[in-house]
Amino acid sequence: MGNLGVDERWVHRPPRPGTGKGQSTTAGPVRVRVNRGPRPPPRRPSWADVDPRVPVAPLRGAPLLVGLVIGLTVGLLAGVVIGVTESRTPPAEPASQSMGALGGLPAVQPAVAATPTVLASASGEDGPWVALTFDDGPNSRYTPEVLALLQRYGAVATFCMVGNQIPGNEALIREVVAAGMALCSHTRTHDLDLPHKPLEQIISEIVGAHGDLVAVAGVPVRYYRAPGGHWSPVILEVAATHGMQPLGWSVDPRDWTQPGVEAILDAVDRQLQPGGVILLHDGGGNREQTLASLEVLLPRLVEEGYRFGFPGAPPPAD
């Protein structure tokens, strides 16, 4: 009849009345046969067979093993990502090399190292030399004329440009660079009271203007000049730590006050020494007197044997 599950077990039977006179059946263990029906096939134990009342001992070392596996996986993935990134990223150019001018323009690289001190002179070889600087441009009216005069006499100069003058003058800035001139950041808004402003505003004025100028010109900007020459230890440090040499001057004819052409020329004659840095302006107001003074000053400097260079750097090679 198949595989019947027949089992014998002892059960306790309660007492019951006897079957005859004076006879009775007492309580006690009785051996009985129990038919449990067909026996099911054996099965493998599962987690469902675990009695939830019985605590299960945790696997020792499991957290450590899982952490080790995760750490190895993350490390391998990070190594792959870094390797791919390094293989796709070109090596950074040394600070002494050009960043590459937009449209193939030449990049001027004055040989200066930024330090938190104001540079107002420099030295060169082969006779006296002078550094011309022009502030508050670019100006669509006066900057092109200043540039033409400089080129006529084979002179170079450093143009200290204000950030809010950049929009609309992008092509002019590239023209200045293409002519072999150097650039200088002169803040975004020409704030004369900048030393007394919060640090966030100081950084925005100095570093922000520098970034705007570099983005348009496509060449490094190695100098920073404080509006009005108003310096502070914080301003010096911010400029230097961002690769800009604080730039001052040793000759100031105050051309921005429009004192007259003769007054401008006389002031230069009195103050200029070999290696001097002359402060002039190509923006910020009417600069007709500055232009007229340059037409006399440039040939005079050439006749006196001066060579034209950049602050803190020898004159460019011929």
C-alpha atoms as a PDB file:
ATOM      1  CA  MET A   1       0.000   0.000   0.000  1.00  0.00           C
ATOM      2  CA  GLY A   2       2.947   2.236  -0.454  1.00  0.00           C
ATOM      3  CA  ASN A   3       5.156   3.817   2.098  1.00  0.00           C
ATOM      4  CA  LEU A   4       2.819   4.195   5.051  1.00  0.00           C
ATOM      5  CA  GLY A   5       4.071   5.975   8.069  1.00  0.00           C
ATOM      6  CA  VAL A   6       3.359   3.508  10.897  1.00  0.00           C
ATOM      7  CA  ASP A   7       4.688   4.406  14.287  1.00  0.00           C
ATOM      8  CA  GLU A   8       4.479   2.828  17.734  1.00  0.00           C
ATOM      9  CA  ARG A   9       4.433   5.026  20.786  1.00  0.00           C
ATOM     10  CA  TRP A  10       3.472   4.886  24.471  1.00  0.00           C
ATOM     11  CA  VAL A  11       0.463   6.955  25.480  1.00  0.00           C
ATOM     12  CA  HIS A  12      -1.162   7.526  28.882  1.00  0.00           C
ATOM     13  CA  ARG A  13      -4.731   6.264  28.991  1.00  0.00           C
ATOM     14  CA  PRO A  14      -7.086   7.462  31.797  1.00  0.00           C
ATOM     15  CA  PRO A  15      -8.986   4.845  33.828  1.00  0.00           C
ATOM     16  CA  ARG A  16     -12.370   3.620  32.520  1.00  0.00           C
ATOM     17  CA  PRO A  17     -15.113   1.288  33.864  1.00  0.00           C
ATOM     18  CA  GLY A  18     -14.392  -2.441  33.759  1.00  0.00           C
ATOM     19  CA  THR A  19     -15.951  -4.789  31.276  1.00  0.00           C
ATOM     20  CA  GLY A  20     -16.972  -7.458  33.837  1.00  0.00           C
ATOM     21  CA  LYS A  21     -18.219  -7.922  37.392  1.00  0.00           C
ATOM     22  CA  GLY A  22     -15.616  -6.708  39.790  1.00  0.00           C
ATOM     23  CA  GLN A  23     -13.206  -5.861  37.007  1.00  0.00           C
ATOM     24  CA  SER A  24     -11.889  -2.477  35.918  1.00  0.00           C
ATOM     25  CA  THR A  25      -9.187  -1.100  33.644  1.00  0.00           C
ATOM     26  CA  THR A  26      -6.626   0.995  35.481  1.00  0.00           C
ATOM     27  CA  ALA A  27      -4.798   3.965  34.111  1.00  0.00           C
ATOM     28  CA  GLY A  28      -1.276   3.549  32.831  1.00  0.00           C
ATOM     29  CA  PRO A  29       0.894   3.570  29.777  1.00  0.00           C
ATOM     30  CA  VAL A  30      -0.410   1.644  26.800  1.00  0.00           C
ATOM     31  CA  ARG A  31       1.487   0.779  23.644  1.00  0.00           C
ATOM     32  CA  VAL A  32      -0.498   1.771  20.557  1.00  0.00           C
ATOM     33  CA  ARG A  33       0.118   1.780  16.798  1.00  0.00           C
ATOM     34  CA  VAL A  34      -0.453   5.074  15.008  1.00  0.00           C
ATOM     35  CA  ASN A  35      -0.934   5.245  11.243  1.00  0.00           C
ATOM     36  CA  ARG A  36       0.266   8.700  10.099  1.00  0.00           C
ATOM     37  CA  GLY A  37      -0.493   8.189   6.455  1.00  0.00           C
ATOM     38  CA  PRO A  38       2.089   8.431   3.628  1.00  0.00           C
ATOM     39  CA  ARG A  39       5.524   9.626   4.774  1.00  0.00           C
ATOM     40  CA  PRO A  40       6.561  12.886   2.993  1.00  0.00           C
ATOM     41  CA  PRO A  41       9.931  12.896   1.243  1.00  0.00           C
ATOM     42  CA  PRO A  42      12.795  14.306   3.317  1.00  0.00           C
ATOM     43  CA  ARG A  43      13.657  17.984   2.796  1.00  0.00           C
ATOM     44  CA  ARG A  44      16.666  20.131   3.537  1.00  0.00           C
ATOM     45  CA  PRO A  45      16.417  22.476   6.523  1.00  0.00           C
ATOM     46  CA  SER A  46      15.983  26.177   5.816  1.00  0.00           C
ATOM     47  CA  TRP A  47      16.186  29.436   7.726  1.00  0.00           C
ATOM     48  CA  ALA A  48      12.443  29.091   8.313  1.00  0.00           C
ATOM     49  CA  ASP A  49      13.155  26.166  10.591  1.00  0.00           C
ATOM     50  CA  VAL A  50      15.040  28.306  13.043  1.00  0.00           C
ATOM     51  CA  ASP A  51      13.168  28.924  16.215  1.00  0.00           C
ATOM     52  CA  PRO A  52      12.928  32.706  16.600  1.00  0.00           C
ATOM     53  CA  ARG A  53      13.088  32.254  20.341  1.00  0.00           C
ATOM     54  CA  VAL A  54      16.583  30.843  20.113  1.00  0.00           C
ATOM     55  CA  PRO A  55      19.244  33.532  19.582  1.00  0.00           C
ATOM     56  CA  VAL A  56      21.555  32.979  16.650  1.00  0.00           C
ATOM     57  CA  ALA A  57      25.217  33.745  17.275  1.00  0.00           C
ATOM     58  CA  PRO A  58      26.507  36.408  14.820  1.00  0.00           C
ATOM     59  CA  LEU A  59      29.243  35.528  12.378  1.00  0.00           C
ATOM     60  CA  ARG A  60      32.471  36.693  13.898  1.00  0.00           C
ATOM     61  CA  GLY A  61      34.563  38.932  11.648  1.00  0.00           C
ATOM     62  CA  ALA A  62      31.702  39.509   9.160  1.00  0.00           C
ATOM     63  CA  PRO A  63      31.727  43.347   9.468  1.00  0.00           C
ATOM     64  CA  LEU A  64      35.487  43.366   9.028  1.00  0.00           C
ATOM     65  CA  LEU A  65      35.264  41.159   5.958  1.00  0.00           C
ATOM     66  CA  VAL A  66      32.521  43.286   4.380  1.00  0.00           C
ATOM     67  CA  GLY A  67      34.456  46.475   5.079  1.00  0.00           C
ATOM     68  CA  LEU A  68      37.591  44.984   3.562  1.00  0.00           C
ATOM     69  CA  VAL A  69      35.759  44.003   0.381  1.00  0.00           C
ATOM     70  CA  ILE A  70      34.154  47.451   0.045  1.00  0.00           C
ATOM     71  CA  GLY A  71      37.466  49.203   0.671  1.00  0.00           C
ATOM     72  CA  LEU A  72      39.274  47.148  -1.955  1.00  0.00           C
ATOM     73  CA  THR A  73      36.510  47.782  -4.492  1.00  0.00           C
ATOM     74  CA  VAL A  74      36.487  51.554  -3.906  1.00  0.00           C
ATOM     75  CA  GLY A  75      40.278  51.699  -4.074  1.00  0.00           C
ATOM     76  CA  LEU A  76      40.380  49.866  -7.383  1.00  0.00           C
ATOM     77  CA  LEU A  77      37.678  52.122  -8.875  1.00  0.00           C
ATOM     78  CA  ALA A  78      39.460  55.264  -7.647  1.00  0.00           C
ATOM     79  CA  GLY A  79      42.705  54.106  -9.194  1.00  0.00           C
ATOM     80  CA  VAL A  80      40.996  53.542 -12.527  1.00  0.00           C
ATOM     81  CA  VAL A  81      39.367  57.007 -12.450  1.00  0.00           C
ATOM     82  CA  ILE A  82      42.622  58.745 -11.515  1.00  0.00           C
ATOM     83  CA  GLY A  83      44.519  56.907 -14.200  1.00  0.00           C
ATOM     84  CA  VAL A  84      41.997  57.862 -16.858  1.00  0.00           C
ATOM     85  CA  THR A  85      41.976  61.495 -15.684  1.00  0.00           C
ATOM     86  CA  GLU A  86      45.741  61.773 -15.698  1.00  0.00           C
ATOM     87  CA  SER A  87      45.942  60.229 -19.135  1.00  0.00           C
ATOM     88  CA  ARG A  88      43.478  62.775 -20.513  1.00  0.00           C
ATOM     89  CA  THR A  89      44.766  65.883 -18.688  1.00  0.00           C
ATOM     90  CA  PRO A  90      47.754  67.637 -20.324  1.00  0.00           C
ATOM     91  CA  PRO A  91      50.583  68.632 -17.997  1.00  0.00           C
ATOM     92  CA  ALA A  92      50.352  72.143 -16.581  1.00  0.00           C
ATOM     93  CA  GLU A  93      52.590  74.754 -18.143  1.00  0.00           C
ATOM     94  CA  PRO A  94      55.358  76.206 -15.990  1.00  0.00           C
ATOM     95  CA  ALA A  95      54.691  79.689 -14.663  1.00  0.00           C
ATOM     96  CA  SER A  96      57.409  81.101 -16.895  1.00  0.00           C
ATOM     97  CA  GLN A  97      55.667  79.952 -20.075  1.00  0.00           C
ATOM     98  CA  SER A  98      52.848  81.575 -21.987  1.00  0.00           C
ATOM     99  CA  MET A  99      49.235  80.679 -21.345  1.00  0.00           C
ATOM    100  CA  GLY A 100      48.618  81.105 -25.065  1.00  0.00           C
ATOM    101  CA  ALA A 101      47.158  84.292 -26.466  1.00  0.00           C
ATOM    102  CA  LEU A 102      43.772  84.274 -28.119  1.00  0.00           C
ATOM    103  CA  GLY A 103      44.031  84.291 -31.872  1.00  0.00           C
ATOM    104  CA  GLY A 104      47.756  83.555 -31.768  1.00  0.00           C
ATOM    105  CA  LEU A 105      48.721  86.846 -30.110  1.00  0.00           C
ATOM    106  CA  PRO A 106      52.178  86.978 -28.534  1.00  0.00           C
ATOM    107  CA  ALA A 107      52.292  86.694 -24.754  1.00  0.00           C
ATOM    108  CA  VAL A 108      54.384  89.211 -22.840  1.00  0.00           C
ATOM    109  CA  GLN A 109      56.184  87.609 -19.886  1.00  0.00           C
ATOM    110  CA  PRO A 110      57.836  90.176 -17.618  1.00  0.00           C
ATOM    111  CA  ALA A 111      60.390  88.356 -15.468  1.00  0.00           C
ATOM    112  CA  VAL A 112      58.902  89.212 -12.087  1.00  0.00           C
ATOM    113  CA  ALA A 113      58.175  87.106  -9.022  1.00  0.00           C
ATOM    114  CA  ALA A 114      55.171  88.253  -6.998  1.00  0.00           C
ATOM    115  CA  THR A 115      56.052  89.396  -3.483  1.00  0.00           C
ATOM    116  CA  PRO A 116      53.930  91.446  -1.045  1.00  0.00           C
ATOM    117  CA  THR A 117      56.025  94.578  -1.596  1.00  0.00           C
ATOM    118  CA  VAL A 118      55.419  97.516  -3.896  1.00  0.00           C
ATOM    119  CA  LEU A 119      57.677  97.497  -6.955  1.00  0.00           C
ATOM    120  CA  ALA A 120      58.603 101.009  -8.061  1.00  0.00           C
ATOM    121  CA  SER A 121      61.865 100.461  -9.901  1.00  0.00           C
ATOM    122  CA  ALA A 122      63.944  97.776 -11.531  1.00  0.00           C
ATOM    123  CA  SER A 123      67.334  97.241 -13.063  1.00  0.00           C
ATOM    124  CA  GLY A 124      68.462  96.528 -16.560  1.00  0.00           C
ATOM    125  CA  GLU A 125      71.704  96.191 -18.466  1.00  0.00           C
ATOM    126  CA  ASP A 126      73.200  98.064 -21.413  1.00  0.00           C
ATOM    127  CA  GLY A 127      72.538 101.606 -20.215  1.00  0.00           C
ATOM    128  CA  PRO A 128      69.635 103.439 -18.574  1.00  0.00           C
ATOM    129  CA  TRP A 129      66.106 102.290 -19.116  1.00  0.00           C
ATOM    130  CA  VAL A 130      62.609 103.328 -18.121  1.00  0.00           C
ATOM    131  CA  ALA A 131      59.242 101.649 -17.609  1.00  0.00           C
ATOM    132  CA  LEU A 132      56.167 103.478 -18.874  1.00  0.00           C
ATOM    133  CA  THR A 133      52.807 102.638 -17.299  1.00  0.00           C
ATOM    134  CA  PHE A 134      49.298 103.799 -18.231  1.00  0.00           C
ATOM    135  CA  ASP A 135      46.327 103.626 -15.855  1.00  0.00           C
ATOM    136  CA  ASP A 136      42.516 103.578 -15.983  1.00  0.00           C
ATOM    137  CA  GLY A 137      42.008 102.193 -19.492  1.00  0.00           C
ATOM    138  CA  PRO A 138      41.188 100.678 -21.776  1.00  0.00           C
ATOM    139  CA  ASN A 139      39.655 103.690 -23.431  1.00  0.00           C
ATOM    140  CA  SER A 140      38.438 103.511 -27.017  1.00  0.00           C
ATOM    141  CA  ARG A 141      39.426 107.152 -27.619  1.00  0.00           C
ATOM    142  CA  TYR A 142      42.879 107.438 -26.047  1.00  0.00           C
ATOM    143  CA  THR A 143      44.353 103.943 -25.753  1.00  0.00           C
ATOM    144  CA  PRO A 144      44.734 103.434 -29.533  1.00  0.00           C
ATOM    145  CA  GLU A 145      46.558 106.779 -29.849  1.00  0.00           C
ATOM    146  CA  VAL A 146      48.891 105.978 -26.954  1.00  0.00           C
ATOM    147  CA  LEU A 147      49.595 102.613 -28.580  1.00  0.00           C
ATOM    148  CA  ALA A 148      50.382 104.222 -31.923  1.00  0.00           C
ATOM    149  CA  LEU A 149      52.862 106.652 -30.334  1.00  0.00           C
ATOM    150  CA  LEU A 150      54.616 103.839 -28.462  1.00  0.00           C
ATOM    151  CA  GLN A 151      54.979 101.821 -31.645  1.00  0.00           C
ATOM    152  CA  ARG A 152      56.312 104.820 -33.534  1.00  0.00           C
ATOM    153  CA  TYR A 153      59.263 105.092 -31.152  1.00  0.00           C
ATOM    154  CA  GLY A 154      59.774 101.386 -30.526  1.00  0.00           C
ATOM    155  CA  ALA A 155      58.634 101.654 -26.922  1.00  0.00           C
ATOM    156  CA  VAL A 156      56.792  99.179 -24.736  1.00  0.00           C
ATOM    157  CA  ALA A 157      54.621  99.937 -21.734  1.00  0.00           C
ATOM    158  CA  THR A 158      52.441  98.324 -19.075  1.00  0.00           C
ATOM    159  CA  PHE A 159      48.710  99.060 -19.239  1.00  0.00           C
ATOM    160  CA  CYS A 160      46.889  98.947 -15.894  1.00  0.00           C
ATOM    161  CA  MET A 161      43.297  98.241 -16.849  1.00  0.00           C
ATOM    162  CA  VAL A 162      40.080  98.613 -14.846  1.00  0.00           C
ATOM    163  CA  GLY A 163      37.660  95.704 -14.946  1.00  0.00           C
ATOM    164  CA  ASN A 164      34.504  97.681 -15.680  1.00  0.00           C
ATOM    165  CA  GLN A 165      36.231  99.160 -18.739  1.00  0.00           C
ATOM    166  CA  ILE A 166      36.722  95.736 -20.323  1.00  0.00           C
ATOM    167  CA  PRO A 167      33.228  95.177 -21.824  1.00  0.00           C
ATOM    168  CA  GLY A 168      33.161  96.598 -25.326  1.00  0.00           C
ATOM    169  CA  ASN A 169      36.947  96.925 -25.484  1.00  0.00           C
ATOM    170  CA  GLU A 170      37.905  93.261 -25.849  1.00  0.00           C
ATOM    171  CA  ALA A 171      39.397  93.727 -29.318  1.00  0.00           C
ATOM    172  CA  LEU A 172      41.377  96.746 -28.128  1.00  0.00           C
ATOM    173  CA  ILE A 173      42.849  94.745 -25.241  1.00  0.00           C
ATOM    174  CA  ARG A 174      44.021  92.062 -27.665  1.00  0.00           C
ATOM    175  CA  GLU A 175      45.517  94.772 -29.856  1.00  0.00           C
ATOM    176  CA  VAL A 176      47.511  96.057 -26.886  1.00  0.00           C
ATOM    177  CA  VAL A 177      48.823  92.556 -26.222  1.00  0.00           C
ATOM    178  CA  ALA A 178      49.581  91.965 -29.891  1.00  0.00           C
ATOM    179  CA  ALA A 179      51.746  95.093 -29.881  1.00  0.00           C
ATOM    180  CA  GLY A 180      53.985  93.511 -27.220  1.00  0.00           C
ATOM    181  CA  MET A 181      52.682  95.428 -24.222  1.00  0.00           C
ATOM    182  CA  ALA A 182      52.217  94.044 -20.690  1.00  0.00           C
ATOM    183  CA  LEU A 183      48.971  94.110 -18.730  1.00  0.00           C
ATOM    184  CA  CYS A 184      48.254  95.015 -15.128  1.00  0.00           C
ATOM    185  CA  SER A 185      45.078  94.568 -13.094  1.00  0.00           C
ATOM    186  CA  HIS A 186      43.736  97.818 -11.629  1.00  0.00           C
ATOM    187  CA  THR A 187      40.648  96.474  -9.754  1.00  0.00           C
ATOM    188  CA  ARG A 188      37.146  96.197 -11.095  1.00  0.00           C
ATOM    189  CA  THR A 189      35.752  99.599 -10.117  1.00  0.00           C
ATOM    190  CA  HIS A 190      38.800 101.738  -9.219  1.00  0.00           C
ATOM    191  CA  ASP A 191      37.711 101.909  -5.582  1.00  0.00           C
ATOM    192  CA  LEU A 192      40.060 104.375  -3.860  1.00  0.00           C
ATOM    193  CA  ASP A 193      38.783 103.268  -0.443  1.00  0.00           C
ATOM    194  CA  LEU A 194      39.454  99.567  -1.032  1.00  0.00           C
ATOM    195  CA  PRO A 195      41.866  99.072   1.937  1.00  0.00           C
ATOM    196  CA  HIS A 196      38.951  99.752   4.297  1.00  0.00           C
ATOM    197  CA  LYS A 197      36.522  97.318   2.673  1.00  0.00           C
ATOM    198  CA  PRO A 198      35.725  93.746   3.831  1.00  0.00           C
ATOM    199  CA  LEU A 199      38.059  91.002   2.740  1.00  0.00           C
ATOM    200  CA  GLU A 200      35.458  89.465   0.417  1.00  0.00           C
ATOM    201  CA  GLN A 201      35.134  92.753  -1.473  1.00  0.00           C
ATOM    202  CA  ILE A 202      38.908  93.192  -1.662  1.00  0.00           C
ATOM    203  CA  ILE A 203      39.285  89.737  -3.189  1.00  0.00           C
ATOM    204  CA  SER A 204      36.460  90.374  -5.644  1.00  0.00           C
ATOM    205  CA  GLU A 205      37.975  93.680  -6.789  1.00  0.00           C
ATOM    206  CA  ILE A 206      41.535  92.382  -7.183  1.00  0.00           C
ATOM    207  CA  VAL A 207      41.195  88.726  -8.127  1.00  0.00           C
ATOM    208  CA  GLY A 208      37.954  89.165 -10.038  1.00  0.00           C
ATOM    209  CA  ALA A 209      39.378  91.900 -12.261  1.00  0.00           C
ATOM    210  CA  HIS A 210      42.500  89.828 -12.809  1.00  0.00           C
ATOM    211  CA  GLY A 211      40.433  86.856 -13.966  1.00  0.00           C
ATOM    212  CA  ASP A 212      38.337  88.998 -16.297  1.00  0.00           C
ATOM    213  CA  LEU A 213      41.422  90.501 -17.886  1.00  0.00           C
ATOM    214  CA  VAL A 214      43.179  87.157 -18.342  1.00  0.00           C
ATOM    215  CA  ALA A 215      40.054  85.653 -19.900  1.00  0.00           C
ATOM    216  CA  VAL A 216      39.884  88.396 -22.536  1.00  0.00           C
ATOM    217  CA  ALA A 217      43.597  88.891 -23.223  1.00  0.00           C
ATOM    218  CA  GLY A 218      44.602  85.239 -23.188  1.00  0.00           C
ATOM    219  CA  VAL A 219      47.962  86.008 -21.552  1.00  0.00           C
ATOM    220  CA  PRO A 220      49.177  86.102 -17.942  1.00  0.00           C
ATOM    221  CA  VAL A 221      48.670  89.328 -16.027  1.00  0.00           C
ATOM    222  CA  ARG A 222      51.734  89.737 -13.791  1.00  0.00           C
ATOM    223  CA  TYR A 223      51.009  93.054 -12.041  1.00  0.00           C
ATOM    224  CA  TYR A 224      48.453  94.664  -9.755  1.00  0.00           C
ATOM    225  CA  ARG A 225      48.308  98.395  -9.104  1.00  0.00           C
ATOM    226  CA  ALA A 226      46.207  99.815  -6.290  1.00  0.00           C
ATOM    227  CA  PRO A 227      43.967 102.755  -7.248  1.00  0.00           C
ATOM    228  CA  GLY A 228      45.571 105.945  -5.962  1.00  0.00           C
ATOM    229  CA  GLY A 229      48.466 103.886  -4.609  1.00  0.00           C
ATOM    230  CA  HIS A 230      46.360 103.047  -1.567  1.00  0.00           C
ATOM    231  CA  TRP A 231      47.949  99.893  -0.201  1.00  0.00           C
ATOM    232  CA  SER A 232      47.413  97.770   2.897  1.00  0.00           C
ATOM    233  CA  PRO A 233      49.027  94.560   4.140  1.00  0.00           C
ATOM    234  CA  VAL A 234      45.901  92.627   3.158  1.00  0.00           C
ATOM    235  CA  ILE A 235      45.880  94.032  -0.377  1.00  0.00           C
ATOM    236  CA  LEU A 236      49.577  93.294  -0.835  1.00  0.00           C
ATOM    237  CA  GLU A 237      49.075  89.719   0.337  1.00  0.00           C
ATOM    238  CA  VAL A 238      45.986  89.076  -1.805  1.00  0.00           C
ATOM    239  CA  ALA A 239      47.736  90.323  -4.942  1.00  0.00           C
ATOM    240  CA  ALA A 240      50.957  88.408  -4.328  1.00  0.00           C
ATOM    241  CA  THR A 241      49.262  85.119  -3.443  1.00  0.00           C
ATOM    242  CA  HIS A 242      47.375  85.299  -6.734  1.00  0.00           C
ATOM    243  CA  GLY A 243      50.506  85.792  -8.813  1.00  0.00           C
ATOM    244  CA  MET A 244      50.379  89.577  -9.210  1.00  0.00           C
ATOM    245  CA  GLN A 245      53.318  91.744  -8.266  1.00  0.00           C
ATOM    246  CA  PRO A 246      52.139  94.934  -6.525  1.00  0.00           C
ATOM    247  CA  LEU A 247      53.202  97.768  -8.808  1.00  0.00           C
ATOM    248  CA  GLY A 248      53.903 101.339  -7.781  1.00  0.00           C
ATOM    249  CA  TRP A 249      55.789 104.179  -9.491  1.00  0.00           C
ATOM    250  CA  SER A 250      58.729 106.490  -8.963  1.00  0.00           C
ATOM    251  CA  VAL A 251      57.685 109.289 -11.344  1.00  0.00           C
ATOM    252  CA  ASP A 252      54.255 110.917 -11.068  1.00  0.00           C
ATOM    253  CA  PRO A 253      53.653 114.023 -13.220  1.00  0.00           C
ATOM    254  CA  ARG A 254      49.957 114.019 -12.161  1.00  0.00           C
ATOM    255  CA  ASP A 255      48.793 114.172 -15.740  1.00  0.00           C
ATOM    256  CA  TRP A 256      45.287 113.188 -14.608  1.00  0.00           C
ATOM    257  CA  THR A 257      44.879 116.689 -13.130  1.00  0.00           C
ATOM    258  CA  GLN A 258      45.570 118.202 -16.581  1.00  0.00           C
ATOM    259  CA  PRO A 259      48.239 120.645 -15.321  1.00  0.00           C
ATOM    260  CA  GLY A 260      49.431 121.461 -18.855  1.00  0.00           C
ATOM    261  CA  VAL A 261      51.927 119.793 -21.202  1.00  0.00           C
ATOM    262  CA  GLU A 262      54.937 121.737 -19.912  1.00  0.00           C
ATOM    263  CA  ALA A 263      54.117 120.904 -16.300  1.00  0.00           C
ATOM    264  CA  ILE A 264      53.901 117.214 -17.153  1.00  0.00           C
ATOM    265  CA  LEU A 265      57.257 117.253 -18.969  1.00  0.00           C
ATOM    266  CA  ASP A 266      58.988 119.258 -16.236  1.00  0.00           C
ATOM    267  CA  ALA A 267      57.801 116.815 -13.562  1.00  0.00           C
ATOM    268  CA  VAL A 268      59.190 113.865 -15.504  1.00  0.00           C
ATOM    269  CA  ASP A 269      62.533 115.603 -15.996  1.00  0.00           C
ATOM    270  CA  ARG A 270      62.867 116.334 -12.277  1.00  0.00           C
ATOM    271  CA  GLN A 271      61.839 112.921 -10.970  1.00  0.00           C
ATOM    272  CA  LEU A 272      63.191 110.455 -13.515  1.00  0.00           C
ATOM    273  CA  GLN A 273      66.251 108.359 -12.708  1.00  0.00           C
ATOM    274  CA  PRO A 274      67.519 105.307 -14.621  1.00  0.00           C
ATOM    275  CA  GLY A 275      65.254 102.388 -13.870  1.00  0.00           C
ATOM    276  CA  GLY A 276      62.325 104.643 -13.085  1.00  0.00           C
ATOM    277  CA  VAL A 277      58.651 103.749 -13.426  1.00  0.00           C
ATOM    278  CA  ILE A 278      56.565 106.583 -14.919  1.00  0.00           C
ATOM    279  CA  LEU A 279      52.857 106.856 -14.094  1.00  0.00           C
ATOM    280  CA  LEU A 280      50.618 108.203 -16.858  1.00  0.00           C
ATOM    281  CA  HIS A 281      46.955 107.719 -17.817  1.00  0.00           C
ATOM    282  CA  ASP A 282      45.125 106.614 -20.955  1.00  0.00           C
ATOM    283  CA  GLY A 283      41.656 106.555 -19.358  1.00  0.00           C
ATOM    284  CA  GLY A 284      39.532 108.073 -16.628  1.00  0.00           C
ATOM    285  CA  GLY A 285      39.003 111.464 -18.247  1.00  0.00           C
ATOM    286  CA  ASN A 286      40.301 113.836 -20.880  1.00  0.00           C
ATOM    287  CA  ARG A 287      43.820 112.710 -21.810  1.00  0.00           C
ATOM    288  CA  GLU A 288      44.676 115.137 -24.604  1.00  0.00           C
ATOM    289  CA  GLN A 289      47.511 116.643 -22.521  1.00  0.00           C
ATOM    290  CA  THR A 290      48.955 113.191 -21.906  1.00  0.00           C
ATOM    291  CA  LEU A 291      49.008 112.483 -25.640  1.00  0.00           C
ATOM    292  CA  ALA A 292      50.660 115.826 -26.375  1.00  0.00           C
ATOM    293  CA  SER A 293      53.246 115.194 -23.664  1.00  0.00           C
ATOM    294  CA  LEU A 294      54.082 111.745 -25.088  1.00  0.00           C
ATOM    295  CA  GLU A 295      54.807 113.231 -28.499  1.00  0.00           C
ATOM    296  CA  VAL A 296      57.633 115.194 -26.851  1.00  0.00           C
ATOM    297  CA  LEU A 297      58.674 112.800 -24.078  1.00  0.00           C
ATOM    298  CA  LEU A 298      59.185 109.654 -26.158  1.00  0.00           C
ATOM    299  CA  PRO A 299      61.719 111.073 -28.641  1.00  0.00           C
ATOM    300  CA  ARG A 300      63.451 112.911 -25.806  1.00  0.00           C
ATOM    301  CA  LEU A 301      63.943 109.673 -23.845  1.00  0.00           C
ATOM    302  CA  VAL A 302      65.308 107.976 -26.960  1.00  0.00           C
ATOM    303  CA  GLU A 303      67.797 110.823 -27.499  1.00  0.00           C
ATOM    304  CA  GLU A 304      68.947 110.539 -23.878  1.00  0.00           C
ATOM    305  CA  GLY A 305      69.766 106.859 -24.379  1.00  0.00           C
ATOM    306  CA  TYR A 306      66.893 105.342 -22.426  1.00  0.00           C
ATOM    307  CA  ARG A 307      65.556 101.935 -23.310  1.00  0.00           C
ATOM    308  CA  PHE A 308      61.961 100.935 -22.642  1.00  0.00           C
ATOM    309  CA  GLY A 309      61.114  97.895 -20.551  1.00  0.00           C
ATOM    310  CA  PHE A 310      58.754  96.526 -17.931  1.00  0.00           C
ATOM    311  CA  PRO A 311      58.795  97.087 -14.162  1.00  0.00           C
ATOM    312  CA  GLY A 312      61.080  94.628 -12.472  1.00  0.00           C
ATOM    313  CA  ALA A 313      62.368  93.221 -15.734  1.00  0.00           C
ATOM    314  CA  PRO A 314      65.133  94.088 -18.173  1.00  0.00           C
ATOM    315  CA  PRO A 315      64.154  95.620 -21.499  1.00  0.00           C
ATOM    316  CA  PRO A 316      62.912  93.112 -24.068  1.00  0.00           C
ATOM    317  CA  ALA A 317      65.486  91.742 -26.493  1.00  0.00           C
ATOM    318  CA  ASP A 318      65.865  93.637 -29.739  1.00  0.00           C
END
